[in-house]
Amino acid sequence: EAFTRPKMIYRLAKLGFSQSYNYFPWRNTKSEIETYFSELTRTEVR
């Protein structure tokens, strides 16, 4: 449960957290959703 800065969220995932809360509650417009989920699914982050 880490609603915090992106680098901190990603570091926790690298350290072993299986899943993470994220910025979905505040991504409401089409462009916000597409940009954010493209980052989560099309970059090394995935």
ModelCIF file with pLDDT and N, C-alpha, C, O atoms, coordinates in Angstrom:
data_MODEL
#
_entry.id   MODEL 
#
_entity.id                         1 
_entity.type                       polymer 
_entity.pdbx_number_of_molecules   1 
#
_entity_poly.entity_id                      1 
_entity_poly.type                           'polypeptide(L)' 
_entity_poly.nstd_linkage                   no 
_entity_poly.nstd_monomer                   no 
_entity_poly.pdbx_seq_one_letter_code       EAFTRPKMIYRLAKLGFSQSYNYFPWRNTKSEIETYFSELTRTEVR 
_entity_poly.pdbx_seq_one_letter_code_can   EAFTRPKMIYRLAKLGFSQSYNYFPWRNTKSEIETYFSELTRTEVR 
_entity_poly.pdbx_strand_id                 A 
#
loop_
_entity_poly_seq.entity_id 
_entity_poly_seq.num 
_entity_poly_seq.mon_id 
_entity_poly_seq.hetero 
1 1  GLU n 
1 2  ALA n 
1 3  PHE n 
1 4  THR n 
1 5  ARG n 
1 6  PRO n 
1 7  LYS n 
1 8  MET n 
1 9  ILE n 
1 10 TYR n 
1 11 ARG n 
1 12 LEU n 
1 13 ALA n 
1 14 LYS n 
1 15 LEU n 
1 16 GLY n 
1 17 PHE n 
1 18 SER n 
1 19 GLN n 
1 20 SER n 
1 21 TYR n 
1 22 ASN n 
1 23 TYR n 
1 24 PHE n 
1 25 PRO n 
1 26 TRP n 
1 27 ARG n 
1 28 ASN n 
1 29 THR n 
1 30 LYS n 
1 31 SER n 
1 32 GLU n 
1 33 ILE n 
1 34 GLU n 
1 35 THR n 
1 36 TYR n 
1 37 PHE n 
1 38 SER n 
1 39 GLU n 
1 40 LEU n 
1 41 THR n 
1 42 ARG n 
1 43 THR n 
1 44 GLU n 
1 45 VAL n 
1 46 ARG n 
#
_struct_asym.id          A 
_struct_asym.entity_id   1 
#
loop_
_ma_qa_metric.id 
_ma_qa_metric.mode 
_ma_qa_metric.name 
_ma_qa_metric.software_group_id 
_ma_qa_metric.type 
1 global pLDDT . pLDDT 
2 local  pLDDT . pLDDT 
#
_ma_qa_metric_global.metric_id      1 
_ma_qa_metric_global.metric_value   96.93 
_ma_qa_metric_global.model_id       1 
_ma_qa_metric_global.ordinal_id     1 
#
loop_
_ma_qa_metric_local.label_asym_id 
_ma_qa_metric_local.label_comp_id 
_ma_qa_metric_local.label_seq_id 
_ma_qa_metric_local.metric_id 
_ma_qa_metric_local.metric_value 
_ma_qa_metric_local.model_id 
_ma_qa_metric_local.ordinal_id 
A GLU 1  2 97.00 1 1  
A ALA 2  2 92.00 1 2  
A PHE 3  2 91.00 1 3  
A THR 4  2 93.00 1 4  
A ARG 5  2 95.00 1 5  
A PRO 6  2 96.00 1 6  
A LYS 7  2 97.00 1 7  
A MET 8  2 97.00 1 8  
A ILE 9  2 97.00 1 9  
A TYR 10 2 98.00 1 10 
A ARG 11 2 98.00 1 11 
A LEU 12 2 98.00 1 12 
A ALA 13 2 98.00 1 13 
A LYS 14 2 98.00 1 14 
A LEU 15 2 98.00 1 15 
A GLY 16 2 97.00 1 16 
A PHE 17 2 98.00 1 17 
A SER 18 2 98.00 1 18 
A GLN 19 2 98.00 1 19 
A SER 20 2 98.00 1 20 
A TYR 21 2 97.00 1 21 
A ASN 22 2 97.00 1 22 
A TYR 23 2 97.00 1 23 
A PHE 24 2 97.00 1 24 
A PRO 25 2 97.00 1 25 
A TRP 26 2 97.00 1 26 
A ARG 27 2 97.00 1 27 
A ASN 28 2 96.00 1 28 
A THR 29 2 97.00 1 29 
A LYS 30 2 98.00 1 30 
A SER 31 2 98.00 1 31 
A GLU 32 2 98.00 1 32 
A ILE 33 2 98.00 1 33 
A GLU 34 2 98.00 1 34 
A THR 35 2 98.00 1 35 
A TYR 36 2 98.00 1 36 
A PHE 37 2 98.00 1 37 
A SER 38 2 98.00 1 38 
A GLU 39 2 97.00 1 39 
A LEU 40 2 97.00 1 40 
A THR 41 2 97.00 1 41 
A ARG 42 2 96.00 1 42 
A THR 43 2 96.00 1 43 
A GLU 44 2 96.00 1 44 
A VAL 45 2 97.00 1 45 
A ARG 46 2 97.00 1 46 
#
loop_
_atom_site.group_PDB 
_atom_site.id 
_atom_site.type_symbol 
_atom_site.label_atom_id 
_atom_site.label_alt_id 
_atom_site.label_comp_id 
_atom_site.label_asym_id 
_atom_site.label_entity_id 
_atom_site.label_seq_id 
_atom_site.pdbx_PDB_ins_code 
_atom_site.Cartn_x 
_atom_site.Cartn_y 
_atom_site.Cartn_z 
_atom_site.occupancy 
_atom_site.B_iso_or_equiv 
_atom_site.pdbx_formal_charge 
_atom_site.auth_seq_id 
_atom_site.auth_comp_id 
_atom_site.auth_asym_id 
_atom_site.auth_atom_id 
_atom_site.pdbx_PDB_model_num 
ATOM 1   N N  . GLU A 1 1  ? 0.882   -1.170 0.000   1.00 97.00 ? 1  GLU A N  1 
ATOM 2   C CA . GLU A 1 1  ? 0.000   0.000  0.000   1.00 97.00 ? 1  GLU A CA 1 
ATOM 3   C C  . GLU A 1 1  ? 0.918   1.218  0.000   1.00 97.00 ? 1  GLU A C  1 
ATOM 4   O O  . GLU A 1 1  ? 1.247   1.766  1.052   1.00 97.00 ? 1  GLU A O  1 
ATOM 5   N N  . ALA A 1 2  ? 1.321   1.626  -1.187  1.00 92.00 ? 2  ALA A N  1 
ATOM 6   C CA . ALA A 1 2  ? 2.349   2.665  -1.303  1.00 92.00 ? 2  ALA A CA 1 
ATOM 7   C C  . ALA A 1 2  ? 1.892   3.729  -2.290  1.00 92.00 ? 2  ALA A C  1 
ATOM 8   O O  . ALA A 1 2  ? 2.306   3.734  -3.449  1.00 92.00 ? 2  ALA A O  1 
ATOM 9   N N  . PHE A 1 3  ? 1.032   4.634  -1.818  1.00 91.00 ? 3  PHE A N  1 
ATOM 10  C CA . PHE A 1 3  ? 0.651   5.767  -2.664  1.00 91.00 ? 3  PHE A CA 1 
ATOM 11  C C  . PHE A 1 3  ? 1.726   6.838  -2.492  1.00 91.00 ? 3  PHE A C  1 
ATOM 12  O O  . PHE A 1 3  ? 1.581   7.755  -1.685  1.00 91.00 ? 3  PHE A O  1 
ATOM 13  N N  . THR A 1 4  ? 2.776   6.711  -3.242  1.00 93.00 ? 4  THR A N  1 
ATOM 14  C CA . THR A 1 4  ? 3.923   7.589  -3.073  1.00 93.00 ? 4  THR A CA 1 
ATOM 15  C C  . THR A 1 4  ? 4.562   7.846  -4.431  1.00 93.00 ? 4  THR A C  1 
ATOM 16  O O  . THR A 1 4  ? 3.955   7.574  -5.466  1.00 93.00 ? 4  THR A O  1 
ATOM 17  N N  . ARG A 1 5  ? 5.763   8.359  -4.431  1.00 95.00 ? 5  ARG A N  1 
ATOM 18  C CA . ARG A 1 5  ? 6.429   8.734  -5.672  1.00 95.00 ? 5  ARG A CA 1 
ATOM 19  C C  . ARG A 1 5  ? 6.752   7.496  -6.508  1.00 95.00 ? 5  ARG A C  1 
ATOM 20  O O  . ARG A 1 5  ? 7.001   6.423  -5.959  1.00 95.00 ? 5  ARG A O  1 
ATOM 21  N N  . PRO A 1 6  ? 6.747   7.645  -7.847  1.00 96.00 ? 6  PRO A N  1 
ATOM 22  C CA . PRO A 1 6  ? 6.924   6.474  -8.716  1.00 96.00 ? 6  PRO A CA 1 
ATOM 23  C C  . PRO A 1 6  ? 8.180   5.673  -8.431  1.00 96.00 ? 6  PRO A C  1 
ATOM 24  O O  . PRO A 1 6  ? 8.130   4.444  -8.389  1.00 96.00 ? 6  PRO A O  1 
ATOM 25  N N  . LYS A 1 7  ? 9.305   6.345  -8.236  1.00 97.00 ? 7  LYS A N  1 
ATOM 26  C CA . LYS A 1 7  ? 10.544  5.597  -8.026  1.00 97.00 ? 7  LYS A CA 1 
ATOM 27  C C  . LYS A 1 7  ? 10.479  4.759  -6.752  1.00 97.00 ? 7  LYS A C  1 
ATOM 28  O O  . LYS A 1 7  ? 11.048  3.669  -6.698  1.00 97.00 ? 7  LYS A O  1 
ATOM 29  N N  . MET A 1 8  ? 9.797   5.255  -5.737  1.00 97.00 ? 8  MET A N  1 
ATOM 30  C CA . MET A 1 8  ? 9.664   4.490  -4.493  1.00 97.00 ? 8  MET A CA 1 
ATOM 31  C C  . MET A 1 8  ? 8.729   3.294  -4.692  1.00 97.00 ? 8  MET A C  1 
ATOM 32  O O  . MET A 1 8  ? 8.994   2.199  -4.196  1.00 97.00 ? 8  MET A O  1 
ATOM 33  N N  . ILE A 1 9  ? 7.638   3.517  -5.422  1.00 97.00 ? 9  ILE A N  1 
ATOM 34  C CA . ILE A 1 9  ? 6.718   2.417  -5.705  1.00 97.00 ? 9  ILE A CA 1 
ATOM 35  C C  . ILE A 1 9  ? 7.441   1.308  -6.456  1.00 97.00 ? 9  ILE A C  1 
ATOM 36  O O  . ILE A 1 9  ? 7.306   0.130  -6.126  1.00 97.00 ? 9  ILE A O  1 
ATOM 37  N N  . TYR A 1 10 ? 8.208   1.695  -7.468  1.00 98.00 ? 10 TYR A N  1 
ATOM 38  C CA . TYR A 1 10 ? 8.900   0.696  -8.281  1.00 98.00 ? 10 TYR A CA 1 
ATOM 39  C C  . TYR A 1 10 ? 10.012  0.003  -7.498  1.00 98.00 ? 10 TYR A C  1 
ATOM 40  O O  . TYR A 1 10 ? 10.244  -1.191 -7.684  1.00 98.00 ? 10 TYR A O  1 
ATOM 41  N N  . ARG A 1 11 ? 10.697  0.732  -6.632  1.00 98.00 ? 11 ARG A N  1 
ATOM 42  C CA . ARG A 1 11 ? 11.754  0.102  -5.829  1.00 98.00 ? 11 ARG A CA 1 
ATOM 43  C C  . ARG A 1 11 ? 11.173  -0.971 -4.916  1.00 98.00 ? 11 ARG A C  1 
ATOM 44  O O  . ARG A 1 11 ? 11.762  -2.042 -4.771  1.00 98.00 ? 11 ARG A O  1 
ATOM 45  N N  . LEU A 1 12 ? 10.046  -0.701 -4.311  1.00 98.00 ? 12 LEU A N  1 
ATOM 46  C CA . LEU A 1 12 ? 9.411   -1.696 -3.442  1.00 98.00 ? 12 LEU A CA 1 
ATOM 47  C C  . LEU A 1 12 ? 9.048   -2.952 -4.229  1.00 98.00 ? 12 LEU A C  1 
ATOM 48  O O  . LEU A 1 12 ? 9.192   -4.068 -3.730  1.00 98.00 ? 12 LEU A O  1 
ATOM 49  N N  . ALA A 1 13 ? 8.577   -2.766 -5.458  1.00 98.00 ? 13 ALA A N  1 
ATOM 50  C CA . ALA A 1 13 ? 8.260   -3.921 -6.298  1.00 98.00 ? 13 ALA A CA 1 
ATOM 51  C C  . ALA A 1 13 ? 9.521   -4.715 -6.606  1.00 98.00 ? 13 ALA A C  1 
ATOM 52  O O  . ALA A 1 13 ? 9.506   -5.945 -6.564  1.00 98.00 ? 13 ALA A O  1 
ATOM 53  N N  . LYS A 1 14 ? 10.596  -4.030 -6.911  1.00 98.00 ? 14 LYS A N  1 
ATOM 54  C CA . LYS A 1 14 ? 11.854  -4.721 -7.183  1.00 98.00 ? 14 LYS A CA 1 
ATOM 55  C C  . LYS A 1 14 ? 12.317  -5.512 -5.961  1.00 98.00 ? 14 LYS A C  1 
ATOM 56  O O  . LYS A 1 14 ? 12.866  -6.606 -6.097  1.00 98.00 ? 14 LYS A O  1 
ATOM 57  N N  . LEU A 1 15 ? 12.099  -4.963 -4.779  1.00 98.00 ? 15 LEU A N  1 
ATOM 58  C CA . LEU A 1 15 ? 12.577  -5.598 -3.557  1.00 98.00 ? 15 LEU A CA 1 
ATOM 59  C C  . LEU A 1 15 ? 11.802  -6.862 -3.200  1.00 98.00 ? 15 LEU A C  1 
ATOM 60  O O  . LEU A 1 15 ? 12.260  -7.659 -2.381  1.00 98.00 ? 15 LEU A O  1 
ATOM 61  N N  . GLY A 1 16 ? 10.627  -7.052 -3.810  1.00 97.00 ? 16 GLY A N  1 
ATOM 62  C CA . GLY A 1 16 ? 9.925   -8.304 -3.552  1.00 97.00 ? 16 GLY A CA 1 
ATOM 63  C C  . GLY A 1 16 ? 8.428   -8.233 -3.392  1.00 97.00 ? 16 GLY A C  1 
ATOM 64  O O  . GLY A 1 16 ? 7.778   -9.278 -3.345  1.00 97.00 ? 16 GLY A O  1 
ATOM 65  N N  . PHE A 1 17 ? 7.837   -7.029 -3.306  1.00 98.00 ? 17 PHE A N  1 
ATOM 66  C CA . PHE A 1 17 ? 6.388   -6.961 -3.171  1.00 98.00 ? 17 PHE A CA 1 
ATOM 67  C C  . PHE A 1 17 ? 5.733   -7.515 -4.433  1.00 98.00 ? 17 PHE A C  1 
ATOM 68  O O  . PHE A 1 17 ? 6.061   -7.108 -5.548  1.00 98.00 ? 17 PHE A O  1 
ATOM 69  N N  . SER A 1 18 ? 4.805   -8.444 -4.242  1.00 98.00 ? 18 SER A N  1 
ATOM 70  C CA . SER A 1 18 ? 4.173   -9.152 -5.357  1.00 98.00 ? 18 SER A CA 1 
ATOM 71  C C  . SER A 1 18 ? 3.270   -8.238 -6.175  1.00 98.00 ? 18 SER A C  1 
ATOM 72  O O  . SER A 1 18 ? 3.215   -8.340 -7.401  1.00 98.00 ? 18 SER A O  1 
ATOM 73  N N  . GLN A 1 19 ? 2.564   -7.346 -5.488  1.00 98.00 ? 19 GLN A N  1 
ATOM 74  C CA . GLN A 1 19 ? 1.617   -6.430 -6.125  1.00 98.00 ? 19 GLN A CA 1 
ATOM 75  C C  . GLN A 1 19 ? 1.743   -5.076 -5.439  1.00 98.00 ? 19 GLN A C  1 
ATOM 76  O O  . GLN A 1 19 ? 2.374   -4.946 -4.391  1.00 98.00 ? 19 GLN A O  1 
ATOM 77  N N  . SER A 1 20 ? 1.127   -4.071 -6.056  1.00 98.00 ? 20 SER A N  1 
ATOM 78  C CA . SER A 1 20 ? 1.189   -2.749 -5.453  1.00 98.00 ? 20 SER A CA 1 
ATOM 79  C C  . SER A 1 20 ? -0.050  -1.929 -5.780  1.00 98.00 ? 20 SER A C  1 
ATOM 80  O O  . SER A 1 20 ? -0.611  -2.016 -6.872  1.00 98.00 ? 20 SER A O  1 
ATOM 81  N N  . TYR A 1 21 ? -0.461  -1.125 -4.791  1.00 97.00 ? 21 TYR A N  1 
ATOM 82  C CA . TYR A 1 21 ? -1.384  -0.044 -5.102  1.00 97.00 ? 21 TYR A CA 1 
ATOM 83  C C  . TYR A 1 21 ? -0.680  0.895  -6.081  1.00 97.00 ? 21 TYR A C  1 
ATOM 84  O O  . TYR A 1 21 ? 0.526   0.774  -6.300  1.00 97.00 ? 21 TYR A O  1 
ATOM 85  N N  . ASN A 1 22 ? -1.422  1.822  -6.664  1.00 97.00 ? 22 ASN A N  1 
ATOM 86  C CA . ASN A 1 22 ? -0.870  2.638  -7.730  1.00 97.00 ? 22 ASN A CA 1 
ATOM 87  C C  . ASN A 1 22 ? -1.754  3.860  -7.938  1.00 97.00 ? 22 ASN A C  1 
ATOM 88  O O  . ASN A 1 22 ? -2.580  4.191  -7.088  1.00 97.00 ? 22 ASN A O  1 
ATOM 89  N N  . TYR A 1 23 ? -1.577  4.522  -9.067  1.00 97.00 ? 23 TYR A N  1 
ATOM 90  C CA . TYR A 1 23 ? -2.264  5.790  -9.293  1.00 97.00 ? 23 TYR A CA 1 
ATOM 91  C C  . TYR A 1 23 ? -3.602  5.640  -10.009 1.00 97.00 ? 23 TYR A C  1 
ATOM 92  O O  . TYR A 1 23 ? -4.180  6.640  -10.436 1.00 97.00 ? 23 TYR A O  1 
ATOM 93  N N  . PHE A 1 24 ? -4.098  4.439  -10.148 1.00 97.00 ? 24 PHE A N  1 
ATOM 94  C CA . PHE A 1 24 ? -5.353  4.230  -10.872 1.00 97.00 ? 24 PHE A CA 1 
ATOM 95  C C  . PHE A 1 24 ? -6.505  5.098  -10.346 1.00 97.00 ? 24 PHE A C  1 
ATOM 96  O O  . PHE A 1 24 ? -7.261  5.626  -11.162 1.00 97.00 ? 24 PHE A O  1 
ATOM 97  N N  . PRO A 1 25 ? -6.682  5.277  -9.012  1.00 97.00 ? 25 PRO A N  1 
ATOM 98  C CA . PRO A 1 25 ? -7.840  6.068  -8.561  1.00 97.00 ? 25 PRO A CA 1 
ATOM 99  C C  . PRO A 1 25 ? -7.878  7.479  -9.120  1.00 97.00 ? 25 PRO A C  1 
ATOM 100 O O  . PRO A 1 25 ? -8.941  8.098  -9.175  1.00 97.00 ? 25 PRO A O  1 
ATOM 101 N N  . TRP A 1 26 ? -6.722  7.993  -9.537  1.00 97.00 ? 26 TRP A N  1 
ATOM 102 C CA . TRP A 1 26 ? -6.672  9.378  -10.025 1.00 97.00 ? 26 TRP A CA 1 
ATOM 103 C C  . TRP A 1 26 ? -6.423  9.466  -11.523 1.00 97.00 ? 26 TRP A C  1 
ATOM 104 O O  . TRP A 1 26 ? -6.139  10.552 -12.028 1.00 97.00 ? 26 TRP A O  1 
ATOM 105 N N  . ARG A 1 27 ? -6.520  8.375  -12.236 1.00 97.00 ? 27 ARG A N  1 
ATOM 106 C CA . ARG A 1 27 ? -6.375  8.392  -13.685 1.00 97.00 ? 27 ARG A CA 1 
ATOM 107 C C  . ARG A 1 27 ? -7.778  8.230  -14.281 1.00 97.00 ? 27 ARG A C  1 
ATOM 108 O O  . ARG A 1 27 ? -8.294  7.117  -14.392 1.00 97.00 ? 27 ARG A O  1 
ATOM 109 N N  . ASN A 1 28 ? -8.378  9.349  -14.658 1.00 96.00 ? 28 ASN A N  1 
ATOM 110 C CA . ASN A 1 28 ? -9.787  9.345  -15.053 1.00 96.00 ? 28 ASN A CA 1 
ATOM 111 C C  . ASN A 1 28 ? -10.023 9.665  -16.517 1.00 96.00 ? 28 ASN A C  1 
ATOM 112 O O  . ASN A 1 28 ? -10.985 9.169  -17.103 1.00 96.00 ? 28 ASN A O  1 
ATOM 113 N N  . THR A 1 29 ? -9.169  10.481 -17.123 1.00 97.00 ? 29 THR A N  1 
ATOM 114 C CA . THR A 1 29 ? -9.387  10.838 -18.524 1.00 97.00 ? 29 THR A CA 1 
ATOM 115 C C  . THR A 1 29 ? -8.766  9.776  -19.428 1.00 97.00 ? 29 THR A C  1 
ATOM 116 O O  . THR A 1 29 ? -7.947  8.962  -19.003 1.00 97.00 ? 29 THR A O  1 
ATOM 117 N N  . LYS A 1 30 ? -9.186  9.818  -20.684 1.00 98.00 ? 30 LYS A N  1 
ATOM 118 C CA . LYS A 1 30 ? -8.667  8.861  -21.670 1.00 98.00 ? 30 LYS A CA 1 
ATOM 119 C C  . LYS A 1 30 ? -7.147  8.949  -21.764 1.00 98.00 ? 30 LYS A C  1 
ATOM 120 O O  . LYS A 1 30 ? -6.457  7.930  -21.724 1.00 98.00 ? 30 LYS A O  1 
ATOM 121 N N  . SER A 1 31 ? -6.629  10.165 -21.890 1.00 98.00 ? 31 SER A N  1 
ATOM 122 C CA . SER A 1 31 ? -5.192  10.301 -22.058 1.00 98.00 ? 31 SER A CA 1 
ATOM 123 C C  . SER A 1 31 ? -4.443  9.887  -20.804 1.00 98.00 ? 31 SER A C  1 
ATOM 124 O O  . SER A 1 31 ? -3.364  9.305  -20.908 1.00 98.00 ? 31 SER A O  1 
ATOM 125 N N  . GLU A 1 32 ? -4.977  10.168 -19.624 1.00 98.00 ? 32 GLU A N  1 
ATOM 126 C CA . GLU A 1 32 ? -4.327  9.747  -18.372 1.00 98.00 ? 32 GLU A CA 1 
ATOM 127 C C  . GLU A 1 32 ? -4.260  8.222  -18.281 1.00 98.00 ? 32 GLU A C  1 
ATOM 128 O O  . GLU A 1 32 ? -3.229  7.657  -17.915 1.00 98.00 ? 32 GLU A O  1 
ATOM 129 N N  . ILE A 1 33 ? -5.359  7.571  -18.614 1.00 98.00 ? 33 ILE A N  1 
ATOM 130 C CA . ILE A 1 33 ? -5.403  6.107  -18.522 1.00 98.00 ? 33 ILE A CA 1 
ATOM 131 C C  . ILE A 1 33 ? -4.459  5.482  -19.540 1.00 98.00 ? 33 ILE A C  1 
ATOM 132 O O  . ILE A 1 33 ? -3.692  4.581  -19.201 1.00 98.00 ? 33 ILE A O  1 
ATOM 133 N N  . GLU A 1 34 ? -4.507  5.948  -20.778 1.00 98.00 ? 34 GLU A N  1 
ATOM 134 C CA . GLU A 1 34 ? -3.665  5.354  -21.819 1.00 98.00 ? 34 GLU A CA 1 
ATOM 135 C C  . GLU A 1 34 ? -2.182  5.572  -21.524 1.00 98.00 ? 34 GLU A C  1 
ATOM 136 O O  . GLU A 1 34 ? -1.376  4.656  -21.692 1.00 98.00 ? 34 GLU A O  1 
ATOM 137 N N  . THR A 1 35 ? -1.823  6.765  -21.092 1.00 98.00 ? 35 THR A N  1 
ATOM 138 C CA . THR A 1 35 ? -0.415  7.051  -20.804 1.00 98.00 ? 35 THR A CA 1 
ATOM 139 C C  . THR A 1 35 ? 0.086   6.199  -19.649 1.00 98.00 ? 35 THR A C  1 
ATOM 140 O O  . THR A 1 35 ? 1.165   5.611  -19.724 1.00 98.00 ? 35 THR A O  1 
ATOM 141 N N  . TYR A 1 36 ? -0.699  6.135  -18.581 1.00 98.00 ? 36 TYR A N  1 
ATOM 142 C CA . TYR A 1 36 ? -0.247  5.410  -17.392 1.00 98.00 ? 36 TYR A CA 1 
ATOM 143 C C  . TYR A 1 36 ? -0.145  3.909  -17.653 1.00 98.00 ? 36 TYR A C  1 
ATOM 144 O O  . TYR A 1 36 ? 0.849   3.283  -17.285 1.00 98.00 ? 36 TYR A O  1 
ATOM 145 N N  . PHE A 1 37 ? -1.150  3.338  -18.277 1.00 98.00 ? 37 PHE A N  1 
ATOM 146 C CA . PHE A 1 37 ? -1.120  1.887  -18.471 1.00 98.00 ? 37 PHE A CA 1 
ATOM 147 C C  . PHE A 1 37 ? -0.161  1.473  -19.584 1.00 98.00 ? 37 PHE A C  1 
ATOM 148 O O  . PHE A 1 37 ? 0.288   0.327  -19.616 1.00 98.00 ? 37 PHE A O  1 
ATOM 149 N N  . SER A 1 38 ? 0.152   2.376  -20.483 1.00 98.00 ? 38 SER A N  1 
ATOM 150 C CA . SER A 1 38 ? 1.211   2.078  -21.443 1.00 98.00 ? 38 SER A CA 1 
ATOM 151 C C  . SER A 1 38 ? 2.550   1.978  -20.718 1.00 98.00 ? 38 SER A C  1 
ATOM 152 O O  . SER A 1 38 ? 3.377   1.129  -21.052 1.00 98.00 ? 38 SER A O  1 
ATOM 153 N N  . GLU A 1 39 ? 2.765   2.834  -19.737 1.00 97.00 ? 39 GLU A N  1 
ATOM 154 C CA . GLU A 1 39 ? 3.992   2.753  -18.933 1.00 97.00 ? 39 GLU A CA 1 
ATOM 155 C C  . GLU A 1 39 ? 4.054   1.427  -18.181 1.00 97.00 ? 39 GLU A C  1 
ATOM 156 O O  . GLU A 1 39 ? 5.114   0.806  -18.103 1.00 97.00 ? 39 GLU A O  1 
ATOM 157 N N  . LEU A 1 40 ? 2.935   0.996  -17.632 1.00 97.00 ? 40 LEU A N  1 
ATOM 158 C CA . LEU A 1 40 ? 2.924   -0.225 -16.820 1.00 97.00 ? 40 LEU A CA 1 
ATOM 159 C C  . LEU A 1 40 ? 3.044   -1.494 -17.651 1.00 97.00 ? 40 LEU A C  1 
ATOM 160 O O  . LEU A 1 40 ? 3.498   -2.520 -17.143 1.00 97.00 ? 40 LEU A O  1 
ATOM 161 N N  . THR A 1 41 ? 2.647   -1.446 -18.914 1.00 97.00 ? 41 THR A N  1 
ATOM 162 C CA . THR A 1 41 ? 2.579   -2.682 -19.703 1.00 97.00 ? 41 THR A CA 1 
ATOM 163 C C  . THR A 1 41 ? 3.528   -2.730 -20.884 1.00 97.00 ? 41 THR A C  1 
ATOM 164 O O  . THR A 1 41 ? 3.685   -3.788 -21.494 1.00 97.00 ? 41 THR A O  1 
ATOM 165 N N  . ARG A 1 42 ? 4.168   -1.613 -21.227 1.00 96.00 ? 42 ARG A N  1 
ATOM 166 C CA . ARG A 1 42 ? 5.008   -1.598 -22.436 1.00 96.00 ? 42 ARG A CA 1 
ATOM 167 C C  . ARG A 1 42 ? 6.452   -1.199 -22.158 1.00 96.00 ? 42 ARG A C  1 
ATOM 168 O O  . ARG A 1 42 ? 7.237   -1.048 -23.094 1.00 96.00 ? 42 ARG A O  1 
ATOM 169 N N  . THR A 1 43 ? 6.809   -1.028 -20.909 1.00 96.00 ? 43 THR A N  1 
ATOM 170 C CA . THR A 1 43 ? 8.180   -0.689 -20.554 1.00 96.00 ? 43 THR A CA 1 
ATOM 171 C C  . THR A 1 43 ? 8.735   -1.788 -19.650 1.00 96.00 ? 43 THR A C  1 
ATOM 172 O O  . THR A 1 43 ? 8.036   -2.741 -19.305 1.00 96.00 ? 43 THR A O  1 
ATOM 173 N N  . GLU A 1 44 ? 9.987   -1.639 -19.281 1.00 96.00 ? 44 GLU A N  1 
ATOM 174 C CA . GLU A 1 44 ? 10.637  -2.600 -18.389 1.00 96.00 ? 44 GLU A CA 1 
ATOM 175 C C  . GLU A 1 44 ? 9.865   -2.813 -17.092 1.00 96.00 ? 44 GLU A C  1 
ATOM 176 O O  . GLU A 1 44 ? 9.976   -3.866 -16.464 1.00 96.00 ? 44 GLU A O  1 
ATOM 177 N N  . VAL A 1 45 ? 9.081   -1.811 -16.691 1.00 97.00 ? 45 VAL A N  1 
ATOM 178 C CA . VAL A 1 45 ? 8.319   -1.875 -15.443 1.00 97.00 ? 45 VAL A CA 1 
ATOM 179 C C  . VAL A 1 45 ? 7.467   -3.141 -15.372 1.00 97.00 ? 45 VAL A C  1 
ATOM 180 O O  . VAL A 1 45 ? 7.287   -3.712 -14.296 1.00 97.00 ? 45 VAL A O  1 
ATOM 181 N N  . ARG A 1 46 ? 6.955   -3.571 -16.497 1.00 97.00 ? 46 ARG A N  1 
ATOM 182 C CA . ARG A 1 46 ? 6.040   -4.720 -16.511 1.00 97.00 ? 46 ARG A CA 1 
ATOM 183 C C  . ARG A 1 46 ? 6.701   -6.000 -16.036 1.00 97.00 ? 46 ARG A C  1 
ATOM 184 O O  . ARG A 1 46 ? 6.057   -7.048 -15.993 1.00 97.00 ? 46 ARG A O  1 
#
